[in-house]
Amino acid sequence: MPWTMTAAVLLATAGLLVLGALACRLWLDVRSLAREVDGAARALAEAAGELKPS
C-alpha cells in the first residue's frame, strides 16, 4: 500500500514539473509574439504618419 502512495506523489510531481515547463515555454512564446506585434504596430504608426498631409 505505501508504494502506491509514493507512486501517486511521484506522478503528481512529474505532472507539475511538465506543466511548469510548458508554462515557461508559453510565456517565452507570448513575450516573443508581443515584441513582434509591438514592432509591427510601430511600423504601421510610422507609415500612417507619413501618409498624413503636412
PDB file of N, CA and C in Angstrom:
ATOM      1  N   MET A   1       0.800  -1.201   0.000  1.00  0.00           N
ATOM      2  CA  MET A   1       0.000   0.000   0.000  1.00  0.00           C
ATOM      3  C   MET A   1       0.850   1.276   0.000  1.00  0.00           C
ATOM      4  N   PRO A   2       1.961   1.364   0.746  1.00  0.00           N
ATOM      5  CA  PRO A   2       2.751   2.597   0.739  1.00  0.00           C
ATOM      6  C   PRO A   2       3.366   2.902  -0.633  1.00  0.00           C
ATOM      7  N   TRP A   3       3.664   1.855  -1.411  1.00  0.00           N
ATOM      8  CA  TRP A   3       4.272   2.126  -2.711  1.00  0.00           C
ATOM      9  C   TRP A   3       3.294   2.796  -3.664  1.00  0.00           C
ATOM     10  N   THR A   4       2.000   2.555  -3.500  1.00  0.00           N
ATOM     11  CA  THR A   4       1.021   3.218  -4.362  1.00  0.00           C
ATOM     12  C   THR A   4       0.948   4.712  -4.051  1.00  0.00           C
ATOM     13  N   MET A   5       1.060   5.037  -2.775  1.00  0.00           N
ATOM     14  CA  MET A   5       1.052   6.444  -2.392  1.00  0.00           C
ATOM     15  C   MET A   5       2.304   7.137  -2.919  1.00  0.00           C
ATOM     16  N   THR A   6       3.445   6.465  -2.824  1.00  0.00           N
ATOM     17  CA  THR A   6       4.696   7.023  -3.339  1.00  0.00           C
ATOM     18  C   THR A   6       4.605   7.224  -4.847  1.00  0.00           C
ATOM     19  N   ALA A   7       4.060   6.249  -5.542  1.00  0.00           N
ATOM     20  CA  ALA A   7       3.906   6.363  -6.994  1.00  0.00           C
ATOM     21  C   ALA A   7       2.979   7.518  -7.353  1.00  0.00           C
ATOM     22  N   ALA A   8       1.908   7.687  -6.605  1.00  0.00           N
ATOM     23  CA  ALA A   8       0.973   8.779  -6.873  1.00  0.00           C
ATOM     24  C   ALA A   8       1.639  10.134  -6.657  1.00  0.00           C
ATOM     25  N   VAL A   9       2.424  10.246  -5.599  1.00  0.00           N
ATOM     26  CA  VAL A   9       3.124  11.505  -5.326  1.00  0.00           C
ATOM     27  C   VAL A   9       4.154  11.784  -6.414  1.00  0.00           C
ATOM     28  N   LEU A  10       4.884  10.756  -6.836  1.00  0.00           N
ATOM     29  CA  LEU A  10       5.878  10.947  -7.896  1.00  0.00           C
ATOM     30  C   LEU A  10       5.227  11.339  -9.218  1.00  0.00           C
ATOM     31  N   LEU A  11       4.116  10.706  -9.552  1.00  0.00           N
ATOM     32  CA  LEU A  11       3.414  11.062 -10.785  1.00  0.00           C
ATOM     33  C   LEU A  11       2.860  12.485 -10.724  1.00  0.00           C
ATOM     34  N   ALA A  12       2.333  12.865  -9.581  1.00  0.00           N
ATOM     35  CA  ALA A  12       1.817  14.227  -9.431  1.00  0.00           C
ATOM     36  C   ALA A  12       2.943  15.246  -9.548  1.00  0.00           C
ATOM     37  N   THR A  13       4.087  14.940  -8.944  1.00  0.00           N
ATOM     38  CA  THR A  13       5.237  15.839  -9.027  1.00  0.00           C
ATOM     39  C   THR A  13       5.730  15.953 -10.462  1.00  0.00           C
ATOM     40  N   ALA A  14       5.818  14.824 -11.151  1.00  0.00           N
ATOM     41  CA  ALA A  14       6.247  14.844 -12.553  1.00  0.00           C
ATOM     42  C   ALA A  14       5.262  15.643 -13.400  1.00  0.00           C
ATOM     43  N   GLY A  15       3.988  15.485 -13.141  1.00  0.00           N
ATOM     44  CA  GLY A  15       2.980  16.239 -13.880  1.00  0.00           C
ATOM     45  C   GLY A  15       3.103  17.732 -13.654  1.00  0.00           C
ATOM     46  N   LEU A  16       3.347  18.124 -12.410  1.00  0.00           N
ATOM     47  CA  LEU A  16       3.518  19.548 -12.120  1.00  0.00           C
ATOM     48  C   LEU A  16       4.777  20.104 -12.771  1.00  0.00           C
ATOM     49  N   LEU A  17       5.840  19.316 -12.814  1.00  0.00           N
ATOM     50  CA  LEU A  17       7.059  19.764 -13.487  1.00  0.00           C
ATOM     51  C   LEU A  17       6.825  19.951 -14.981  1.00  0.00           C
ATOM     52  N   VAL A  18       6.096  19.043 -15.585  1.00  0.00           N
ATOM     53  CA  VAL A  18       5.786  19.172 -17.015  1.00  0.00           C
ATOM     54  C   VAL A  18       4.926  20.407 -17.256  1.00  0.00           C
ATOM     55  N   LEU A  19       3.923  20.616 -16.422  1.00  0.00           N
ATOM     56  CA  LEU A  19       3.083  21.805 -16.571  1.00  0.00           C
ATOM     57  C   LEU A  19       3.893  23.086 -16.386  1.00  0.00           C
ATOM     58  N   GLY A  20       4.820  23.085 -15.445  1.00  0.00           N
ATOM     59  CA  GLY A  20       5.674  24.250 -15.243  1.00  0.00           C
ATOM     60  C   GLY A  20       6.555  24.522 -16.448  1.00  0.00           C
ATOM     61  N   ALA A  21       7.117  23.474 -17.029  1.00  0.00           N
ATOM     62  CA  ALA A  21       7.958  23.641 -18.218  1.00  0.00           C
ATOM     63  C   ALA A  21       7.138  24.172 -19.389  1.00  0.00           C
ATOM     64  N   LEU A  22       5.933  23.652 -19.552  1.00  0.00           N
ATOM     65  CA  LEU A  22       5.076  24.143 -20.632  1.00  0.00           C
ATOM     66  C   LEU A  22       4.663  25.595 -20.400  1.00  0.00           C
ATOM     67  N   ALA A  23       4.419  25.962 -19.161  1.00  0.00           N
ATOM     68  CA  ALA A  23       4.063  27.346 -18.846  1.00  0.00           C
ATOM     69  C   ALA A  23       5.222  28.285 -19.162  1.00  0.00           C
ATOM     70  N   CYS A  24       6.444  27.868 -18.853  1.00  0.00           N
ATOM     71  CA  CYS A  24       7.617  28.695 -19.173  1.00  0.00           C
ATOM     72  C   CYS A  24       7.774  28.852 -20.681  1.00  0.00           C
ATOM     73  N   ARG A  25       7.573  27.769 -21.406  1.00  0.00           N
ATOM     74  CA  ARG A  25       7.683  27.839 -22.868  1.00  0.00           C
ATOM     75  C   ARG A  25       6.609  28.756 -23.443  1.00  0.00           C
ATOM     76  N   LEU A  26       5.393  28.652 -22.927  1.00  0.00           N
ATOM     77  CA  LEU A  26       4.308  29.512 -23.383  1.00  0.00           C
ATOM     78  C   LEU A  26       4.620  30.974 -23.097  1.00  0.00           C
ATOM     79  N   TRP A  27       5.159  31.252 -21.918  1.00  0.00           N
ATOM     80  CA  TRP A  27       5.500  32.629 -21.559  1.00  0.00           C
ATOM     81  C   TRP A  27       6.546  33.195 -22.515  1.00  0.00           C
ATOM     82  N   LEU A  28       7.554  32.384 -22.864  1.00  0.00           N
ATOM     83  CA  LEU A  28       8.572  32.843 -23.806  1.00  0.00           C
ATOM     84  C   LEU A  28       7.975  33.100 -25.188  1.00  0.00           C
ATOM     85  N   ASP A  29       7.068  32.243 -25.630  1.00  0.00           N
ATOM     86  CA  ASP A  29       6.423  32.443 -26.927  1.00  0.00           C
ATOM     87  C   ASP A  29       5.563  33.703 -26.929  1.00  0.00           C
ATOM     88  N   VAL A  30       4.842  33.933 -25.863  1.00  0.00           N
ATOM     89  CA  VAL A  30       3.991  35.123 -25.770  1.00  0.00           C
ATOM     90  C   VAL A  30       4.847  36.380 -25.740  1.00  0.00           C
ATOM     91  N   ARG A  31       5.952  36.342 -25.019  1.00  0.00           N
ATOM     92  CA  ARG A  31       6.845  37.503 -24.963  1.00  0.00           C
ATOM     93  C   ARG A  31       7.421  37.812 -26.342  1.00  0.00           C
ATOM     94  N   SER A  32       7.808  36.777 -27.070  1.00  0.00           N
ATOM     95  CA  SER A  32       8.337  36.954 -28.418  1.00  0.00           C
ATOM     96  C   SER A  32       7.266  37.523 -29.349  1.00  0.00           C
ATOM     97  N   LEU A  33       6.069  36.983 -29.265  1.00  0.00           N
ATOM     98  CA  LEU A  33       4.977  37.471 -30.101  1.00  0.00           C
ATOM     99  C   LEU A  33       4.643  38.925 -29.770  1.00  0.00           C
ATOM    100  N   ALA A  34       4.671  39.277 -28.508  1.00  0.00           N
ATOM    101  CA  ALA A  34       4.380  40.655 -28.104  1.00  0.00           C
ATOM    102  C   ALA A  34       5.413  41.614 -28.683  1.00  0.00           C
ATOM    103  N   ARG A  35       6.669  41.209 -28.719  1.00  0.00           N
ATOM    104  CA  ARG A  35       7.701  42.063 -29.318  1.00  0.00           C
ATOM    105  C   ARG A  35       7.455  42.251 -30.811  1.00  0.00           C
ATOM    106  N   GLU A  36       7.072  41.178 -31.494  1.00  0.00           N
ATOM    107  CA  GLU A  36       6.799  41.275 -32.925  1.00  0.00           C
ATOM    108  C   GLU A  36       5.592  42.171 -33.197  1.00  0.00           C
ATOM    109  N   VAL A  37       4.549  42.032 -32.402  1.00  0.00           N
ATOM    110  CA  VAL A  37       3.359  42.866 -32.568  1.00  0.00           C
ATOM    111  C   VAL A  37       3.700  44.325 -32.288  1.00  0.00           C
ATOM    112  N   ASP A  38       4.518  44.580 -31.287  1.00  0.00           N
ATOM    113  CA  ASP A  38       4.921  45.946 -30.970  1.00  0.00           C
ATOM    114  C   ASP A  38       5.691  46.562 -32.134  1.00  0.00           C
ATOM    115  N   GLY A  39       6.609  45.804 -32.700  1.00  0.00           N
ATOM    116  CA  GLY A  39       7.368  46.311 -33.845  1.00  0.00           C
ATOM    117  C   GLY A  39       6.475  46.596 -35.041  1.00  0.00           C
ATOM    118  N   ALA A  40       5.524  45.718 -35.307  1.00  0.00           N
ATOM    119  CA  ALA A  40       4.603  45.928 -36.424  1.00  0.00           C
ATOM    120  C   ALA A  40       3.714  47.142 -36.177  1.00  0.00           C
ATOM    121  N   ALA A  41       3.257  47.318 -34.949  1.00  0.00           N
ATOM    122  CA  ALA A  41       2.408  48.467 -34.626  1.00  0.00           C
ATOM    123  C   ALA A  41       3.183  49.769 -34.776  1.00  0.00           C
ATOM    124  N   ARG A  42       4.429  49.767 -34.363  1.00  0.00           N
ATOM    125  CA  ARG A  42       5.249  50.975 -34.523  1.00  0.00           C
ATOM    126  C   ARG A  42       5.481  51.285 -35.997  1.00  0.00           C
ATOM    127  N   ALA A  43       5.733  50.251 -36.796  1.00  0.00           N
ATOM    128  CA  ALA A  43       5.936  50.455 -38.232  1.00  0.00           C
ATOM    129  C   ALA A  43       4.669  50.992 -38.884  1.00  0.00           C
ATOM    130  N   LEU A  44       3.513  50.465 -38.493  1.00  0.00           N
ATOM    131  CA  LEU A  44       2.251  50.966 -39.037  1.00  0.00           C
ATOM    132  C   LEU A  44       1.999  52.413 -38.626  1.00  0.00           C
ATOM    133  N   ALA A  45       2.292  52.742 -37.395  1.00  0.00           N
ATOM    134  CA  ALA A  45       2.094  54.115 -36.929  1.00  0.00           C
ATOM    135  C   ALA A  45       3.012  55.073 -37.680  1.00  0.00           C
ATOM    136  N   GLU A  46       4.235  54.646 -37.919  1.00  0.00           N
ATOM    137  CA  GLU A  46       5.175  55.493 -38.661  1.00  0.00           C
ATOM    138  C   GLU A  46       4.705  55.671 -40.101  1.00  0.00           C
ATOM    139  N   ALA A  47       4.242  54.594 -40.720  1.00  0.00           N
ATOM    140  CA  ALA A  47       3.750  54.681 -42.098  1.00  0.00           C
ATOM    141  C   ALA A  47       2.500  55.556 -42.171  1.00  0.00           C
ATOM    142  N   ALA A  48       1.622  55.451 -41.202  1.00  0.00           N
ATOM    143  CA  ALA A  48       0.419  56.282 -41.188  1.00  0.00           C
ATOM    144  C   ALA A  48       0.787  57.745 -41.004  1.00  0.00           C
ATOM    145  N   GLY A  49       1.803  58.014 -40.217  1.00  0.00           N
ATOM    146  CA  GLY A  49       2.251  59.387 -40.025  1.00  0.00           C
ATOM    147  C   GLY A  49       2.809  59.989 -41.300  1.00  0.00           C
ATOM    148  N   GLU A  50       3.426  59.166 -42.119  1.00  0.00           N
ATOM    149  CA  GLU A  50       3.973  59.654 -43.388  1.00  0.00           C
ATOM    150  C   GLU A  50       2.869  59.913 -44.409  1.00  0.00           C
ATOM    151  N   LEU A  51       1.718  59.275 -44.274  1.00  0.00           N
ATOM    152  CA  LEU A  51       0.621  59.458 -45.220  1.00  0.00           C
ATOM    153  C   LEU A  51      -0.170  60.730 -44.964  1.00  0.00           C
ATOM    154  N   LYS A  52      -0.151  61.244 -43.747  1.00  0.00           N
ATOM    155  CA  LYS A  52      -0.927  62.434 -43.416  1.00  0.00           C
ATOM    156  C   LYS A  52      -0.363  63.634 -44.175  1.00  0.00           C
ATOM    157  N   PRO A  53      -1.250  64.451 -44.740  1.00  0.00           N
ATOM    158  CA  PRO A  53      -0.760  65.653 -45.434  1.00  0.00           C
ATOM    159  C   PRO A  53      -0.202  66.660 -44.432  1.00  0.00           C
ATOM    160  N   SER A  54       0.885  67.278 -44.791  1.00  0.00           N
ATOM    161  CA  SER A  54       1.501  68.242 -43.882  1.00  0.00           C
ATOM    162  C   SER A  54       1.124  69.649 -44.246  1.00  0.00           C
TER     163      SER A  54
END
